[in-house]
Every structure is written in structure tokens, then in C-alpha cells.
C-alpha atoms as a PDB file:
ATOM      1  CA  TRP A   1       4.046   7.851 -17.287  1.00  0.00           C
ATOM      2  CA  ARG A   2       3.351   9.631 -13.873  1.00  0.00           C
ATOM      3  CA  GLU A   3       3.847  12.470 -16.028  1.00  0.00           C
ATOM      4  CA  GLY A   4       1.988  11.216 -18.853  1.00  0.00           C
ATOM      5  CA  ASP A   5       4.593   9.710 -20.987  1.00  0.00           C
ATOM      6  CA  GLY A   6       5.902   6.741 -20.967  1.00  0.00           C
ATOM      7  CA  ALA A   7       4.281   3.440 -20.125  1.00  0.00           C
ATOM      8  CA  ALA A   8       2.239   2.351 -17.268  1.00  0.00           C
ATOM      9  CA  PRO A   9       4.094  -0.287 -14.746  1.00  0.00           C
ATOM     10  CA  SER A  10       4.635  -3.937 -15.728  1.00  0.00           C
ATOM     11  CA  TRP A  11       3.362  -4.735 -12.766  1.00  0.00           C
ATOM     12  CA  ARG A  12      -0.308  -5.312 -11.746  1.00  0.00           C
ATOM     13  CA  HIS A  13      -0.361  -4.613  -8.330  1.00  0.00           C
ATOM     14  CA  VAL A  14       1.096  -2.999  -5.542  1.00  0.00           C
ATOM     15  CA  ALA A  15       1.648  -4.203  -2.119  1.00  0.00           C
ATOM     16  CA  LEU A  16       3.066  -2.542   0.650  1.00  0.00           C
ATOM     17  CA  PHE A  17       3.405  -4.005   4.247  1.00  0.00           C
ATOM     18  CA  CYS A  18       4.664  -1.025   6.727  1.00  0.00           C
ATOM     19  CA  GLY A  19       4.961   1.241   3.729  1.00  0.00           C
ATOM     20  CA  MET A  20       5.130   5.014   4.280  1.00  0.00           C
ATOM     21  CA  PRO A  21       5.864   7.445   1.749  1.00  0.00           C
ATOM     22  CA  ALA A  22       8.994   9.626   1.350  1.00  0.00           C
ATOM     23  CA  ARG A  23      10.148  11.532   3.792  1.00  0.00           C
ATOM     24  CA  ASP A  24      12.379  13.877   1.713  1.00  0.00           C
ATOM     25  CA  ASP A  25       9.960  16.906   0.624  1.00  0.00           C
ATOM     26  CA  ARG A  26      11.822  16.811  -2.883  1.00  0.00           C
ATOM     27  CA  TYR A  27       9.147  14.157  -3.847  1.00  0.00           C
ATOM     28  CA  LEU A  28       6.104  15.657  -2.376  1.00  0.00           C
ATOM     29  CA  PRO A  29       5.094  16.667  -6.014  1.00  0.00           C
ATOM     30  CA  LEU A  30       5.048  13.534  -7.375  1.00  0.00           C
ATOM     31  CA  PHE A  31       2.295  12.550  -5.097  1.00  0.00           C
ATOM     32  CA  SER A  32      -0.089  16.035  -5.602  1.00  0.00           C
ATOM     33  CA  THR A  33      -2.386  13.794  -7.464  1.00  0.00           C
ATOM     34  CA  PRO A  34      -3.100  10.529  -5.954  1.00  0.00           C
ATOM     35  CA  LEU A  35      -1.825   7.383  -7.889  1.00  0.00           C
ATOM     36  CA  ASP A  36      -4.652   5.408  -9.666  1.00  0.00           C
ATOM     37  CA  PHE A  37      -3.255   1.933  -9.559  1.00  0.00           C
ATOM     38  CA  PRO A  38      -4.046  -1.066  -7.810  1.00  0.00           C
ATOM     39  CA  CYS A  39      -3.089  -1.121  -4.236  1.00  0.00           C
ATOM     40  CA  THR A  40      -3.376  -3.044  -1.069  1.00  0.00           C
ATOM     41  CA  LEU A  41      -1.598  -1.658   2.467  1.00  0.00           C
ATOM     42  CA  VAL A  42      -0.813  -3.489   5.264  1.00  0.00           C
ATOM     43  CA  TYR A  43      -0.287  -1.829   8.502  1.00  0.00           C
ATOM     44  CA  GLY A  44       0.477  -2.863  12.028  1.00  0.00           C
ATOM     45  CA  ARG A  45      -1.632  -0.707  14.688  1.00  0.00           C
ATOM     46  CA  LYS A  46       1.720  -1.029  17.245  1.00  0.00           C
ATOM     47  CA  ASP A  47       4.085   0.088  14.965  1.00  0.00           C
ATOM     48  CA  ASP A  48       5.915   3.198  15.878  1.00  0.00           C
ATOM     49  CA  LEU A  49       5.921   4.254  11.936  1.00  0.00           C
ATOM     50  CA  TYR A  50       1.951   3.607  12.058  1.00  0.00           C
ATOM     51  CA  ALA A  51       0.962   7.385  12.486  1.00  0.00           C
ATOM     52  CA  TRP A  52       3.948   8.643   9.220  1.00  0.00           C
ATOM     53  CA  GLY A  53       2.277   5.489   7.188  1.00  0.00           C
ATOM     54  CA  GLN A  54      -0.854   6.881   7.520  1.00  0.00           C
ATOM     55  CA  ARG A  55       0.035   8.981   4.601  1.00  0.00           C
ATOM     56  CA  LEU A  56       0.164   6.600   2.114  1.00  0.00           C
ATOM     57  CA  ARG A  57      -3.463   6.242   1.956  1.00  0.00           C
ATOM     58  CA  ASP A  58      -3.257   9.492   0.226  1.00  0.00           C
ATOM     59  CA  ALA A  59      -0.806   8.872  -2.717  1.00  0.00           C
ATOM     60  CA  TYR A  60      -3.255   5.994  -3.917  1.00  0.00           C
ATOM     61  CA  LEU A  61      -6.240   6.727  -5.359  1.00  0.00           C
ATOM     62  CA  SER A  62      -8.492   3.949  -3.631  1.00  0.00           C
ATOM     63  CA  PRO A  63      -6.419   1.815  -1.908  1.00  0.00           C
ATOM     64  CA  THR A  64      -7.363  -1.581   0.257  1.00  0.00           C
ATOM     65  CA  VAL A  65      -6.430  -1.466   3.638  1.00  0.00           C
ATOM     66  CA  PHE A  66      -6.216  -4.118   5.891  1.00  0.00           C
ATOM     67  CA  GLU A  67      -4.927  -3.406   9.499  1.00  0.00           C
ATOM     68  CA  HIS A  68      -3.379  -5.911  12.415  1.00  0.00           C
ATOM     69  CA  GLY A  69      -2.404  -5.990  16.217  1.00  0.00           C
ATOM     70  CA  GLU A  70       1.330  -5.782  15.835  1.00  0.00           C
ATOM     71  CA  GLY A  71       4.055  -4.032  15.401  1.00  0.00           C
ATOM     72  CA  HIS A  72       6.465  -2.967  12.270  1.00  0.00           C
ATOM     73  CA  ARG A  73       6.507  -6.704  10.555  1.00  0.00           C
ATOM     74  CA  PHE A  74       4.420  -8.394   8.507  1.00  0.00           C
ATOM     75  CA  PRO A  75       1.490 -10.382   9.740  1.00  0.00           C
ATOM     76  CA  SER A  76       1.248 -13.398  11.583  1.00  0.00           C
ATOM     77  CA  GLU A  77      -2.455 -13.245  12.674  1.00  0.00           C
ATOM     78  CA  PRO A  78      -4.341 -15.956  10.950  1.00  0.00           C
ATOM     79  CA  GLN A  79      -7.516 -14.558   9.817  1.00  0.00           C
ATOM     80  CA  ILE A  80      -5.211 -10.856   8.877  1.00  0.00           C
ATOM     81  CA  ASN A  81      -3.333 -13.759   6.767  1.00  0.00           C
ATOM     82  CA  THR A  82      -6.428 -15.477   5.189  1.00  0.00           C
ATOM     83  CA  ASP A  83      -8.036 -12.103   3.932  1.00  0.00           C
ATOM     84  CA  LEU A  84      -5.210 -10.831   2.911  1.00  0.00           C
ATOM     85  CA  ALA A  85      -4.149 -14.047   0.626  1.00  0.00           C
ATOM     86  CA  ASP A  86      -7.327 -13.993  -0.820  1.00  0.00           C
ATOM     87  CA  HIS A  87      -7.597 -10.646  -1.346  1.00  0.00           C
ATOM     88  CA  LEU A  88      -4.114 -10.488  -3.257  1.00  0.00           C
ATOM     89  CA  SER A  89      -5.117 -13.627  -4.889  1.00  0.00           C
ATOM     90  CA  GLN A  90      -8.581 -11.997  -6.343  1.00  0.00           C
ATOM     91  CA  GLN A  91      -6.641  -9.097  -7.305  1.00  0.00           C
ATOM     92  CA  LEU A  92      -4.111 -10.346  -9.342  1.00  0.00           C
ATOM     93  CA  GLY A  93      -6.675 -13.049 -11.052  1.00  0.00           C
ATOM     94  CA  PHE A  94      -5.914 -16.078  -9.387  1.00  0.00           C
ATOM     95  CA  GLN A  95      -9.055 -16.978  -8.273  1.00  0.00           C
END
């Protein structure tokens, strides 16, 4: 699919929590052009890997990004979770 052959992924949306790009340079050519696929990225500003994870923003054409004030974990802040649930429900056609 990425190289023009094969079917697109069977899922509708990518949601990455504390995600980061591959660290192995052999995979960099796969991301020379951003992926045109719906994506939500969720980062904790206190995550030790926060800076490296920010590079993942460039791997997607137009990701939606949420940030919370915690570390390398799923957010526990109620407002972030509400906003995130609303966003993903809309993206997946549940609303």
C-alpha cells in the first residue's frame, strides 16, 4: 500500500499514545513522504521520550495532537479524556 501496490489498511484510524518513530535508520525511507491517513497522537509532556516522540508528527500528513501534563502513560486528566473520547468517536463515525 505504501509503495503503491496492495490495499490500504483495513482499519480507519491510527491512535498512538506515547508513540515515537522507529529509531532504526533503515526505516527512514518509508517515511520520507508523510502518511495520508487519519491519525491521533497523544503525548505526556513529562514523558522522558517526549522530544523523540514529537518527530512522529512529521510521519503523518495532518495528525490531531493531544497533550497532557503527565508522563509516559495514558492520560488520567478528565478533560483530556473527554476531549479525546469525543474526538475519536467523531473520527470513527460513532457520533
